[in-house]
């Protein structure tokens, strides 16, 4: 399973352009400073370490702030939409599991930058 970078109680998802200084850390494309996990709200061509990613390595996510979508599936303790995207919520973390913060609705607590 991939390890997502957690900062201040949230998995920070960087949706900006990939930078030449970005590197893969624990199987996740991460900014050079180590604070942003590179992500996109659409796309995804392959699975790696249980996460749907683009060919460039960005994690695909689904904004489940309003609630988990119907048919949510769980793998390695993480919630995924039926399309395979990681379900995230921009609400504050209410609990942690294996070092990953989760919002009250069961989605991964994340910040989108």
Protein backbone atom coordinates (compact mmCIF):
# COMPACT_ATOMS: atom_id res chain seq x y z
CA UNK A 1 0.00 0.00 0.00
CA UNK A 2 1.17 3.50 -0.76
CA UNK A 3 1.95 5.89 2.03
CA UNK A 4 0.35 9.30 1.60
CA UNK A 5 2.10 12.36 3.02
CA UNK A 6 0.09 13.86 5.90
CA UNK A 7 0.60 17.47 7.00
CA UNK A 8 -1.31 19.20 9.81
CA UNK A 9 -4.00 16.51 9.98
CA UNK A 10 -4.72 16.28 6.25
CA UNK A 11 -3.46 14.54 3.15
CA UNK A 12 -2.44 17.52 1.01
CA UNK A 13 -3.26 17.06 -2.67
CA UNK A 14 -1.42 19.32 -5.09
CA UNK A 15 -3.44 19.74 -8.26
CA UNK A 16 -1.01 22.13 -9.95
CA UNK A 17 1.42 21.23 -12.69
CA UNK A 18 3.99 18.55 -12.04
CA UNK A 19 7.38 20.09 -11.36
CA UNK A 20 10.75 18.73 -12.52
CA UNK A 21 11.81 18.50 -8.87
CA UNK A 22 8.88 16.20 -7.91
CA UNK A 23 9.87 12.71 -6.85
CA UNK A 24 8.20 9.43 -5.98
CA UNK A 25 8.11 8.78 -2.24
CA UNK A 26 6.63 5.48 -1.10
CA UNK A 27 5.06 5.04 -4.54
CA UNK A 28 3.31 8.44 -4.60
CA UNK A 29 4.39 11.40 -6.77
CA UNK A 30 5.21 14.09 -4.22
CA UNK A 31 6.44 17.67 -4.40
CA UNK A 32 10.10 18.24 -3.69
CA UNK A 33 9.26 19.70 -0.29
CA UNK A 34 7.44 16.45 0.57
CA UNK A 35 4.22 18.20 1.51
CA UNK A 36 2.02 17.69 -1.55
CA UNK A 37 0.80 14.44 -3.03
CA UNK A 38 0.23 15.17 -6.74
CA UNK A 39 -3.41 14.53 -7.69
CA UNK A 40 -6.10 15.09 -10.34
CA UNK A 41 -9.91 14.95 -10.12
CA UNK A 42 -10.25 13.10 -13.44
CA UNK A 43 -8.27 10.65 -15.52
CA UNK A 44 -6.23 7.75 -14.37
CA UNK A 45 -4.70 5.15 -16.59
CA UNK A 46 -3.18 2.58 -14.28
CA UNK A 47 -3.15 1.24 -10.75
CA UNK A 48 -0.04 1.38 -8.65
CA UNK A 49 0.15 0.44 -4.98
CA UNK A 50 -3.66 0.27 -4.91
CA UNK A 51 -4.21 3.81 -6.20
CA UNK A 52 -5.56 4.83 -9.61
CA UNK A 53 -2.96 7.11 -11.15
CA UNK A 54 -2.21 8.91 -14.37
CA UNK A 55 0.75 7.81 -16.45
CA UNK A 56 2.62 10.76 -14.92
CA UNK A 57 1.94 9.42 -11.40
CA UNK A 58 -0.81 11.72 -10.12
CA UNK A 59 -3.42 10.13 -7.83
CA UNK A 60 -7.02 10.34 -9.04
CA UNK A 61 -9.44 11.53 -6.36
CA UNK A 62 -13.20 11.95 -5.92
CA UNK A 63 -14.49 14.82 -3.75
CA UNK A 64 -16.75 13.06 -1.24
CA UNK A 65 -17.07 16.02 1.14
CA UNK A 66 -20.87 15.82 0.82
CA UNK A 67 -20.78 12.07 1.51
CA UNK A 68 -19.32 8.87 0.16
CA UNK A 69 -20.72 7.91 -3.25
CA UNK A 70 -23.03 4.94 -3.71
CA UNK A 71 -21.04 1.78 -4.24
CA UNK A 72 -17.96 2.97 -2.34
CA UNK A 73 -15.43 0.17 -2.11
CA UNK A 74 -12.68 -0.22 0.48
CA UNK A 75 -9.18 -1.48 -0.21
CA UNK A 76 -6.25 -1.41 2.19
CA UNK A 77 -8.39 0.69 4.55
CA UNK A 78 -9.01 3.44 1.97
CA UNK A 79 -12.36 4.36 0.36
CA UNK A 80 -12.64 4.33 -3.45
CA UNK A 81 -15.43 5.38 -5.81
CA UNK A 82 -16.78 2.79 -8.25
CA UNK A 83 -14.56 4.45 -10.87
CA UNK A 84 -11.51 3.70 -8.71
CA UNK A 85 -10.80 7.23 -7.45
CA UNK A 86 -9.67 7.83 -3.86
CA UNK A 87 -12.59 9.35 -1.90
CA UNK A 88 -11.49 12.50 -0.08
CA UNK A 89 -13.23 15.09 2.07
CA UNK A 90 -12.13 18.64 2.77
CA UNK A 91 -13.72 18.41 6.22
CA UNK A 92 -11.46 18.17 9.25
CA UNK A 93 -10.12 14.83 10.41
CA UNK A 94 -12.16 13.13 13.11
CA UNK A 95 -10.04 10.00 13.42
CA UNK A 96 -6.87 8.37 12.13
CA UNK A 97 -6.22 4.86 10.85
CA UNK A 98 -2.72 3.65 10.05
CA UNK A 99 -1.54 7.26 10.09
CA UNK A 100 -4.14 8.44 7.54
CA UNK A 101 -6.66 11.08 8.70
CA UNK A 102 -10.35 10.39 8.01
CA UNK A 103 -13.29 12.80 8.08
CA UNK A 104 -16.45 11.85 9.96
CA UNK A 105 -18.09 10.59 6.75
CA UNK A 106 -15.34 7.99 6.19
CA UNK A 107 -13.49 9.77 3.38
CA UNK A 108 -9.79 10.60 3.65
CA UNK A 109 -9.41 14.08 5.18
CA UNK A 110 -7.57 16.12 2.57
CA UNK A 111 -6.67 19.61 1.58
CA UNK A 112 -6.58 20.57 -2.09
CA UNK A 113 -3.86 23.04 -3.03
